[in-house]
Amino acid sequence: MKVLGIDLGSREVKVIVMNKNNIIDQFKVSTMSFYRDYCNFAGRIIVDKDKLDVSQTKIKISTGYGKNNTDLKEFEPINEIKAHTYGAIYQTGLKNFILLDVGGQDVKAVKVEKGLITDLELNEKCAASCGRYLENMANVLEVSLTEMSNYYQDPVELNSTCAVFSESELIGKIAEGAQIERLCAGVNYSMYKRLRPLLTQFKGRRLIISGGVAYNQAITRYLETDYDQVIALDKPQFNGAIGCCYYGLLMDN
């Protein structure tokens, strides 16, 4: 039995196909390309499943920003918290953890006990703690996200709590002659400082990281000082779509 999971994110659309609990296909496209190349408009956005080449699936589950403004007639929509929780359970086999998901434009911290969501904290108001912040700062420094994520030692101090003002502050540090390694570390540490208040709301010693920030080695190192175990998912950016599939499989049993 094939199951389709689709996560319609603010920056990218992620698609997963499972067959009997195994991932058999995965791909992602930018959100703009998805709406332009895989959708039609007839008073409402219509997703063309034939263009996606995912029409031969029995169960279809969707989540993300776009689940409410696209006409996915065959899809069952679920909220992002549930999707990411099921995805983390599938990828790790664990039932007790704190999940940190850093998306392009929001952050979710979820407490999971015995496989059930017991508490959560969201930040949807400011880009300074989201993936877009890291992208913008990497552009200012003219380095890749991968290179920037390597640096964590001796960070320069960045105090601004606003993503826009942080760019100006960073440019000031560049003008002062700070080394690129310290500048990158400063960006990573400032991101960590913004994430930490969300996580301190919960008690727990095991943290699972999903979303693009899971690839950031520096932020992972900072978080390791707060937890006994920090797990970065193997497919962090596909976690929501994976959770959709896993939820569909469980509901069908």
C-alpha atoms as a PDB file:
ATOM      1  CA  MET A   1       0.000   0.000   0.000  1.00  0.00           C
ATOM      2  CA  LYS A   2       1.424   3.368  -1.057  1.00  0.00           C
ATOM      3  CA  VAL A   3       0.958   6.466   1.103  1.00  0.00           C
ATOM      4  CA  LEU A   4       1.681  10.039   0.050  1.00  0.00           C
ATOM      5  CA  GLY A   5       2.709  12.781   2.468  1.00  0.00           C
ATOM      6  CA  ILE A   6       3.114  16.380   1.366  1.00  0.00           C
ATOM      7  CA  ASP A   7       4.359  19.290   3.478  1.00  0.00           C
ATOM      8  CA  LEU A   8       3.443  22.615   1.869  1.00  0.00           C
ATOM      9  CA  GLY A   9       5.976  24.856   3.570  1.00  0.00           C
ATOM     10  CA  SER A  10       6.539  28.589   3.321  1.00  0.00           C
ATOM     11  CA  ARG A  11       9.821  28.165   1.426  1.00  0.00           C
ATOM     12  CA  GLU A  12       9.722  24.617   0.030  1.00  0.00           C
ATOM     13  CA  VAL A  13       7.227  21.852  -0.645  1.00  0.00           C
ATOM     14  CA  LYS A  14       8.399  18.406   0.479  1.00  0.00           C
ATOM     15  CA  VAL A  15       6.923  15.166  -0.855  1.00  0.00           C
ATOM     16  CA  ILE A  16       7.365  11.638   0.548  1.00  0.00           C
ATOM     17  CA  VAL A  17       5.936   8.348  -0.733  1.00  0.00           C
ATOM     18  CA  MET A  18       5.936   5.291   1.521  1.00  0.00           C
ATOM     19  CA  ASN A  19       5.129   1.681   0.738  1.00  0.00           C
ATOM     20  CA  LYS A  20       4.568  -0.667   3.683  1.00  0.00           C
ATOM     21  CA  ASN A  21       6.348   1.616   6.138  1.00  0.00           C
ATOM     22  CA  ASN A  22       9.366   2.189   3.883  1.00  0.00           C
ATOM     23  CA  ILE A  23      10.248   5.437   2.112  1.00  0.00           C
ATOM     24  CA  ILE A  24      10.378   4.699  -1.623  1.00  0.00           C
ATOM     25  CA  ASP A  25      10.456   8.219  -3.055  1.00  0.00           C
ATOM     26  CA  GLN A  26      11.185  11.758  -1.914  1.00  0.00           C
ATOM     27  CA  PHE A  27      11.660  15.135  -3.526  1.00  0.00           C
ATOM     28  CA  LYS A  28      11.275  18.821  -2.784  1.00  0.00           C
ATOM     29  CA  VAL A  29      10.729  21.949  -4.842  1.00  0.00           C
ATOM     30  CA  SER A  30      10.573  25.619  -4.005  1.00  0.00           C
ATOM     31  CA  THR A  31       7.095  26.787  -3.048  1.00  0.00           C
ATOM     32  CA  MET A  32       7.030  29.160  -6.026  1.00  0.00           C
ATOM     33  CA  SER A  33       7.970  26.369  -8.446  1.00  0.00           C
ATOM     34  CA  PHE A  34       5.358  24.081  -6.895  1.00  0.00           C
ATOM     35  CA  TYR A  35       2.502  26.514  -7.446  1.00  0.00           C
ATOM     36  CA  ARG A  36       3.791  27.464 -10.916  1.00  0.00           C
ATOM     37  CA  ASP A  37       4.672  24.022 -12.295  1.00  0.00           C
ATOM     38  CA  TYR A  38       2.453  21.553 -10.427  1.00  0.00           C
ATOM     39  CA  CYS A  39      -0.755  23.484  -9.844  1.00  0.00           C
ATOM     40  CA  ASN A  40      -3.617  25.026 -11.771  1.00  0.00           C
ATOM     41  CA  PHE A  41      -5.905  27.841 -10.687  1.00  0.00           C
ATOM     42  CA  ALA A  42      -9.697  27.685 -11.002  1.00  0.00           C
ATOM     43  CA  GLY A  43     -10.918  30.034  -8.312  1.00  0.00           C
ATOM     44  CA  ARG A  44      -8.685  28.074  -5.989  1.00  0.00           C
ATOM     45  CA  ILE A  45      -5.270  26.426  -6.340  1.00  0.00           C
ATOM     46  CA  ILE A  46      -5.683  22.902  -7.738  1.00  0.00           C
ATOM     47  CA  VAL A  47      -2.780  20.487  -7.276  1.00  0.00           C
ATOM     48  CA  ASP A  48      -2.160  18.303 -10.328  1.00  0.00           C
ATOM     49  CA  LYS A  49      -1.200  14.938  -8.841  1.00  0.00           C
ATOM     50  CA  ASP A  50      -0.365  13.527 -12.283  1.00  0.00           C
ATOM     51  CA  LYS A  51       2.281  16.206 -12.786  1.00  0.00           C
ATOM     52  CA  LEU A  52       3.688  15.309  -9.371  1.00  0.00           C
ATOM     53  CA  ASP A  53       3.605  11.643 -10.482  1.00  0.00           C
ATOM     54  CA  VAL A  54       2.023  10.621  -7.177  1.00  0.00           C
ATOM     55  CA  SER A  55      -1.494   9.732  -8.330  1.00  0.00           C
ATOM     56  CA  GLN A  56      -1.050   5.996  -7.681  1.00  0.00           C
ATOM     57  CA  THR A  57      -1.241   6.251  -3.888  1.00  0.00           C
ATOM     58  CA  LYS A  58      -4.042   4.911  -1.696  1.00  0.00           C
ATOM     59  CA  ILE A  59      -3.753   7.359   1.212  1.00  0.00           C
ATOM     60  CA  LYS A  60      -2.819  11.032   0.894  1.00  0.00           C
ATOM     61  CA  ILE A  61      -2.072  13.305   3.869  1.00  0.00           C
ATOM     62  CA  SER A  62      -1.041  16.967   3.757  1.00  0.00           C
ATOM     63  CA  THR A  63       0.301  19.512   6.225  1.00  0.00           C
ATOM     64  CA  GLY A  64       1.997  22.911   6.249  1.00  0.00           C
ATOM     65  CA  TYR A  65       1.118  26.494   5.394  1.00  0.00           C
ATOM     66  CA  GLY A  66      -0.521  25.611   2.088  1.00  0.00           C
ATOM     67  CA  LYS A  67      -2.842  22.850   3.250  1.00  0.00           C
ATOM     68  CA  ASN A  68      -5.737  25.271   3.704  1.00  0.00           C
ATOM     69  CA  ASN A  69      -5.411  27.271   0.477  1.00  0.00           C
ATOM     70  CA  THR A  70      -4.915  24.429  -1.976  1.00  0.00           C
ATOM     71  CA  ASP A  71      -7.696  22.183  -3.216  1.00  0.00           C
ATOM     72  CA  LEU A  72      -6.362  18.777  -2.203  1.00  0.00           C
ATOM     73  CA  LYS A  73      -9.657  16.949  -2.561  1.00  0.00           C
ATOM     74  CA  GLU A  74      -8.221  13.494  -1.924  1.00  0.00           C
ATOM     75  CA  PHE A  75      -6.013  14.610   0.959  1.00  0.00           C
ATOM     76  CA  GLU A  76      -6.658  14.543   4.684  1.00  0.00           C
ATOM     77  CA  PRO A  77      -5.036  17.647   6.231  1.00  0.00           C
ATOM     78  CA  ILE A  78      -3.313  17.431   9.628  1.00  0.00           C
ATOM     79  CA  ASN A  79      -1.653  20.207  11.613  1.00  0.00           C
ATOM     80  CA  GLU A  80       2.105  20.695  11.512  1.00  0.00           C
ATOM     81  CA  ILE A  81       2.688  19.811  15.166  1.00  0.00           C
ATOM     82  CA  LYS A  82       1.132  16.383  14.695  1.00  0.00           C
ATOM     83  CA  ALA A  83       2.968  15.821  11.398  1.00  0.00           C
ATOM     84  CA  HIS A  84       6.386  16.671  12.812  1.00  0.00           C
ATOM     85  CA  THR A  85       5.799  14.615  15.945  1.00  0.00           C
ATOM     86  CA  TYR A  86       4.836  11.525  13.944  1.00  0.00           C
ATOM     87  CA  GLY A  87       7.822  12.119  11.690  1.00  0.00           C
ATOM     88  CA  ALA A  88      10.215  12.222  14.647  1.00  0.00           C
ATOM     89  CA  ILE A  89       8.710   9.035  16.106  1.00  0.00           C
ATOM     90  CA  TYR A  90       9.081   7.255  12.754  1.00  0.00           C
ATOM     91  CA  GLN A  91      12.673   8.403  12.216  1.00  0.00           C
ATOM     92  CA  THR A  92      13.941   7.637  15.724  1.00  0.00           C
ATOM     93  CA  GLY A  93      11.614   4.995  17.156  1.00  0.00           C
ATOM     94  CA  LEU A  94      11.459   7.080  20.356  1.00  0.00           C
ATOM     95  CA  LYS A  95       8.312   8.021  22.281  1.00  0.00           C
ATOM     96  CA  ASN A  96       9.695  10.453  24.896  1.00  0.00           C
ATOM     97  CA  PHE A  97      11.531  13.576  23.775  1.00  0.00           C
ATOM     98  CA  ILE A  98      11.457  17.307  23.166  1.00  0.00           C
ATOM     99  CA  LEU A  99      11.210  18.185  19.480  1.00  0.00           C
ATOM    100  CA  LEU A 100      12.704  21.390  18.114  1.00  0.00           C
ATOM    101  CA  ASP A 101      11.637  22.198  14.569  1.00  0.00           C
ATOM    102  CA  VAL A 102      13.095  25.334  13.010  1.00  0.00           C
ATOM    103  CA  GLY A 103      11.376  26.189   9.749  1.00  0.00           C
ATOM    104  CA  GLY A 104      12.001  28.979   7.304  1.00  0.00           C
ATOM    105  CA  GLN A 105       9.561  31.301   9.056  1.00  0.00           C
ATOM    106  CA  ASP A 106       8.583  29.696  12.361  1.00  0.00           C
ATOM    107  CA  VAL A 107       9.863  27.624  15.269  1.00  0.00           C
ATOM    108  CA  LYS A 108       8.089  24.811  17.095  1.00  0.00           C
ATOM    109  CA  ALA A 109       9.136  23.255  20.411  1.00  0.00           C
ATOM    110  CA  VAL A 110       7.056  20.199  21.329  1.00  0.00           C
ATOM    111  CA  LYS A 111       7.046  18.029  24.445  1.00  0.00           C
ATOM    112  CA  VAL A 112       6.264  14.379  23.631  1.00  0.00           C
ATOM    113  CA  GLU A 113       5.603  11.776  26.327  1.00  0.00           C
ATOM    114  CA  LYS A 114       4.697   8.165  25.546  1.00  0.00           C
ATOM    115  CA  GLY A 115       4.155   9.185  21.938  1.00  0.00           C
ATOM    116  CA  LEU A 116       1.634  11.904  22.851  1.00  0.00           C
ATOM    117  CA  ILE A 117       1.986  15.683  22.590  1.00  0.00           C
ATOM    118  CA  THR A 118       1.756  17.102  26.097  1.00  0.00           C
ATOM    119  CA  ASP A 119       2.938  20.693  25.614  1.00  0.00           C
ATOM    120  CA  LEU A 120       4.230  23.056  22.945  1.00  0.00           C
ATOM    121  CA  GLU A 121       5.668  26.506  22.355  1.00  0.00           C
ATOM    122  CA  LEU A 122       5.557  28.392  19.048  1.00  0.00           C
ATOM    123  CA  ASN A 123       7.349  31.409  17.645  1.00  0.00           C
ATOM    124  CA  GLU A 124       5.685  32.727  14.491  1.00  0.00           C
ATOM    125  CA  LYS A 125       6.229  36.449  15.063  1.00  0.00           C
ATOM    126  CA  CYS A 126       9.896  37.111  14.371  1.00  0.00           C
ATOM    127  CA  ALA A 127      12.316  35.912  11.692  1.00  0.00           C
ATOM    128  CA  ALA A 128      15.294  36.289  14.046  1.00  0.00           C
ATOM    129  CA  SER A 129      14.904  32.737  15.412  1.00  0.00           C
ATOM    130  CA  CYS A 130      14.026  31.080  12.091  1.00  0.00           C
ATOM    131  CA  GLY A 131      15.923  29.561   9.196  1.00  0.00           C
ATOM    132  CA  ARG A 132      15.535  32.699   7.104  1.00  0.00           C
ATOM    133  CA  TYR A 133      17.688  34.571   9.647  1.00  0.00           C
ATOM    134  CA  LEU A 134      20.610  32.197   9.100  1.00  0.00           C
ATOM    135  CA  GLU A 135      20.219  32.462   5.319  1.00  0.00           C
ATOM    136  CA  ASN A 136      20.245  36.257   5.404  1.00  0.00           C
ATOM    137  CA  MET A 137      23.256  36.452   7.701  1.00  0.00           C
ATOM    138  CA  ALA A 138      25.193  33.952   5.566  1.00  0.00           C
ATOM    139  CA  ASN A 139      24.487  36.181   2.565  1.00  0.00           C
ATOM    140  CA  VAL A 140      25.820  39.204   4.440  1.00  0.00           C
ATOM    141  CA  LEU A 141      28.996  37.279   5.272  1.00  0.00           C
ATOM    142  CA  GLU A 142      29.176  35.892   1.708  1.00  0.00           C
ATOM    143  CA  VAL A 143      29.583  32.310   2.923  1.00  0.00           C
ATOM    144  CA  SER A 144      27.464  29.201   2.484  1.00  0.00           C
ATOM    145  CA  LEU A 145      25.175  27.972   5.250  1.00  0.00           C
ATOM    146  CA  THR A 146      27.308  24.829   5.437  1.00  0.00           C
ATOM    147  CA  GLU A 147      30.517  26.785   6.004  1.00  0.00           C
ATOM    148  CA  MET A 148      28.901  29.106   8.530  1.00  0.00           C
ATOM    149  CA  SER A 149      27.577  26.162  10.546  1.00  0.00           C
ATOM    150  CA  ASN A 150      31.109  24.903  11.252  1.00  0.00           C
ATOM    151  CA  TYR A 151      32.063  27.762  13.584  1.00  0.00           C
ATOM    152  CA  TYR A 152      31.114  27.950  17.243  1.00  0.00           C
ATOM    153  CA  GLN A 153      34.202  29.048  19.178  1.00  0.00           C
ATOM    154  CA  ASP A 154      34.787  32.602  20.436  1.00  0.00           C
ATOM    155  CA  PRO A 155      31.651  34.146  18.900  1.00  0.00           C
ATOM    156  CA  VAL A 156      31.380  37.905  18.467  1.00  0.00           C
ATOM    157  CA  GLU A 157      28.574  39.356  20.558  1.00  0.00           C
ATOM    158  CA  LEU A 158      25.400  40.178  18.651  1.00  0.00           C
ATOM    159  CA  ASN A 159      22.759  41.690  20.910  1.00  0.00           C
ATOM    160  CA  SER A 160      19.994  42.799  18.578  1.00  0.00           C
ATOM    161  CA  THR A 161      16.732  40.865  18.922  1.00  0.00           C
ATOM    162  CA  CYS A 162      15.537  41.953  15.457  1.00  0.00           C
ATOM    163  CA  ALA A 163      16.570  40.156  12.250  1.00  0.00           C
ATOM    164  CA  VAL A 164      16.826  43.420  10.314  1.00  0.00           C
ATOM    165  CA  PHE A 165      18.859  45.248  12.956  1.00  0.00           C
ATOM    166  CA  SER A 166      21.063  42.163  13.412  1.00  0.00           C
ATOM    167  CA  GLU A 167      22.259  42.538   9.832  1.00  0.00           C
ATOM    168  CA  SER A 168      23.343  46.115  10.549  1.00  0.00           C
ATOM    169  CA  GLU A 169      25.035  45.005  13.750  1.00  0.00           C
ATOM    170  CA  LEU A 170      26.875  42.253  11.886  1.00  0.00           C
ATOM    171  CA  ILE A 171      28.066  44.690   9.222  1.00  0.00           C
ATOM    172  CA  GLY A 172      29.409  46.877  12.034  1.00  0.00           C
ATOM    173  CA  LYS A 173      31.398  43.924  13.380  1.00  0.00           C
ATOM    174  CA  ILE A 174      32.794  43.289   9.894  1.00  0.00           C
ATOM    175  CA  ALA A 175      33.878  46.932   9.704  1.00  0.00           C
ATOM    176  CA  GLU A 176      35.649  46.539  13.047  1.00  0.00           C
ATOM    177  CA  GLY A 177      37.778  43.784  11.514  1.00  0.00           C
ATOM    178  CA  ALA A 178      36.369  40.723  13.301  1.00  0.00           C
ATOM    179  CA  GLN A 179      37.537  37.424  11.804  1.00  0.00           C
ATOM    180  CA  ILE A 180      35.094  35.500   9.643  1.00  0.00           C
ATOM    181  CA  GLU A 181      35.232  32.498  12.001  1.00  0.00           C
ATOM    182  CA  ARG A 182      34.136  34.645  14.970  1.00  0.00           C
ATOM    183  CA  LEU A 183      31.450  36.351  12.888  1.00  0.00           C
ATOM    184  CA  CYS A 184      29.961  33.009  11.818  1.00  0.00           C
ATOM    185  CA  ALA A 185      30.113  31.747  15.394  1.00  0.00           C
ATOM    186  CA  GLY A 186      28.390  34.938  16.536  1.00  0.00           C
ATOM    187  CA  VAL A 187      25.491  34.360  14.158  1.00  0.00           C
ATOM    188  CA  ASN A 188      25.116  30.750  15.286  1.00  0.00           C
ATOM    189  CA  TYR A 189      25.280  31.666  18.960  1.00  0.00           C
ATOM    190  CA  SER A 190      22.748  34.477  18.568  1.00  0.00           C
ATOM    191  CA  MET A 191      20.364  31.957  16.980  1.00  0.00           C
ATOM    192  CA  TYR A 192      20.920  29.555  19.875  1.00  0.00           C
ATOM    193  CA  LYS A 193      20.171  32.339  22.381  1.00  0.00           C
ATOM    194  CA  ARG A 194      16.814  32.953  20.679  1.00  0.00           C
ATOM    195  CA  LEU A 195      15.895  29.261  20.634  1.00  0.00           C
ATOM    196  CA  ARG A 196      16.825  28.515  24.227  1.00  0.00           C
ATOM    197  CA  PRO A 197      13.912  30.374  25.925  1.00  0.00           C
ATOM    198  CA  LEU A 198      11.423  28.233  23.995  1.00  0.00           C
ATOM    199  CA  LEU A 199      13.112  25.048  25.142  1.00  0.00           C
ATOM    200  CA  THR A 200      13.540  25.976  28.816  1.00  0.00           C
ATOM    201  CA  GLN A 201       9.754  25.794  29.210  1.00  0.00           C
ATOM    202  CA  PHE A 202      10.007  21.995  29.211  1.00  0.00           C
ATOM    203  CA  LYS A 203      11.764  19.474  31.396  1.00  0.00           C
ATOM    204  CA  GLY A 204      13.567  16.691  29.569  1.00  0.00           C
ATOM    205  CA  ARG A 205      17.029  15.450  28.726  1.00  0.00           C
ATOM    206  CA  ARG A 206      16.568  14.266  25.134  1.00  0.00           C
ATOM    207  CA  LEU A 207      16.215  16.745  22.275  1.00  0.00           C
ATOM    208  CA  ILE A 208      15.388  15.912  18.661  1.00  0.00           C
ATOM    209  CA  ILE A 209      16.107  18.562  16.021  1.00  0.00           C
ATOM    210  CA  SER A 210      14.260  18.791  12.710  1.00  0.00           C
ATOM    211  CA  GLY A 211      14.170  21.399   9.966  1.00  0.00           C
ATOM    212  CA  GLY A 212      17.175  22.859   8.183  1.00  0.00           C
ATOM    213  CA  VAL A 213      18.847  23.941  11.437  1.00  0.00           C
ATOM    214  CA  ALA A 214      19.527  20.260  12.160  1.00  0.00           C
ATOM    215  CA  TYR A 215      22.394  20.577   9.670  1.00  0.00           C
ATOM    216  CA  ASN A 216      23.957  23.404  11.704  1.00  0.00           C
ATOM    217  CA  GLN A 217      26.760  21.746  13.661  1.00  0.00           C
ATOM    218  CA  ALA A 218      27.482  24.826  15.779  1.00  0.00           C
ATOM    219  CA  ILE A 219      23.922  25.185  17.091  1.00  0.00           C
ATOM    220  CA  THR A 220      23.862  21.447  17.808  1.00  0.00           C
ATOM    221  CA  ARG A 221      27.045  21.849  19.870  1.00  0.00           C
ATOM    222  CA  TYR A 222      25.509  24.699  21.871  1.00  0.00           C
ATOM    223  CA  LEU A 223      22.366  22.651  22.541  1.00  0.00           C
ATOM    224  CA  GLU A 224      24.477  19.707  23.720  1.00  0.00           C
ATOM    225  CA  THR A 225      25.405  21.760  26.785  1.00  0.00           C
ATOM    226  CA  ASP A 226      21.723  21.784  27.796  1.00  0.00           C
ATOM    227  CA  TYR A 227      20.751  18.157  27.107  1.00  0.00           C
ATOM    228  CA  ASP A 228      22.113  14.691  27.768  1.00  0.00           C
ATOM    229  CA  GLN A 229      21.262  13.627  24.224  1.00  0.00           C
ATOM    230  CA  VAL A 230      20.756  15.722  21.086  1.00  0.00           C
ATOM    231  CA  ILE A 231      19.578  13.887  17.976  1.00  0.00           C
ATOM    232  CA  ALA A 232      19.598  15.487  14.526  1.00  0.00           C
ATOM    233  CA  LEU A 233      17.190  13.606  12.259  1.00  0.00           C
ATOM    234  CA  ASP A 234      18.524  11.882   9.139  1.00  0.00           C
ATOM    235  CA  LYS A 235      15.902  13.593   6.964  1.00  0.00           C
ATOM    236  CA  PRO A 236      15.210  16.758   8.950  1.00  0.00           C
ATOM    237  CA  GLN A 237      13.672  18.824   6.147  1.00  0.00           C
ATOM    238  CA  PHE A 238      11.349  15.993   5.111  1.00  0.00           C
ATOM    239  CA  ASN A 239      10.164  15.310   8.653  1.00  0.00           C
ATOM    240  CA  GLY A 240       6.695  16.854   8.220  1.00  0.00           C
ATOM    241  CA  ALA A 241       6.000  14.908   5.026  1.00  0.00           C
ATOM    242  CA  ILE A 242       7.318  11.711   6.629  1.00  0.00           C
ATOM    243  CA  GLY A 243       5.007  12.307   9.575  1.00  0.00           C
ATOM    244  CA  CYS A 244       2.054  12.652   7.201  1.00  0.00           C
ATOM    245  CA  CYS A 245       2.820   9.251   5.692  1.00  0.00           C
ATOM    246  CA  TYR A 246       3.376   7.560   9.029  1.00  0.00           C
ATOM    247  CA  TYR A 247       0.153   9.008  10.410  1.00  0.00           C
ATOM    248  CA  GLY A 248      -1.707   7.708   7.339  1.00  0.00           C
ATOM    249  CA  LEU A 249      -0.272   4.217   7.806  1.00  0.00           C
ATOM    250  CA  LEU A 250      -1.214   4.106  11.484  1.00  0.00           C
ATOM    251  CA  MET A 251      -4.748   5.361  10.865  1.00  0.00           C
ATOM    252  CA  ASP A 252      -5.260   2.725   8.169  1.00  0.00           C
ATOM    253  CA  ASN A 253      -4.314  -0.157  10.464  1.00  0.00           C
END
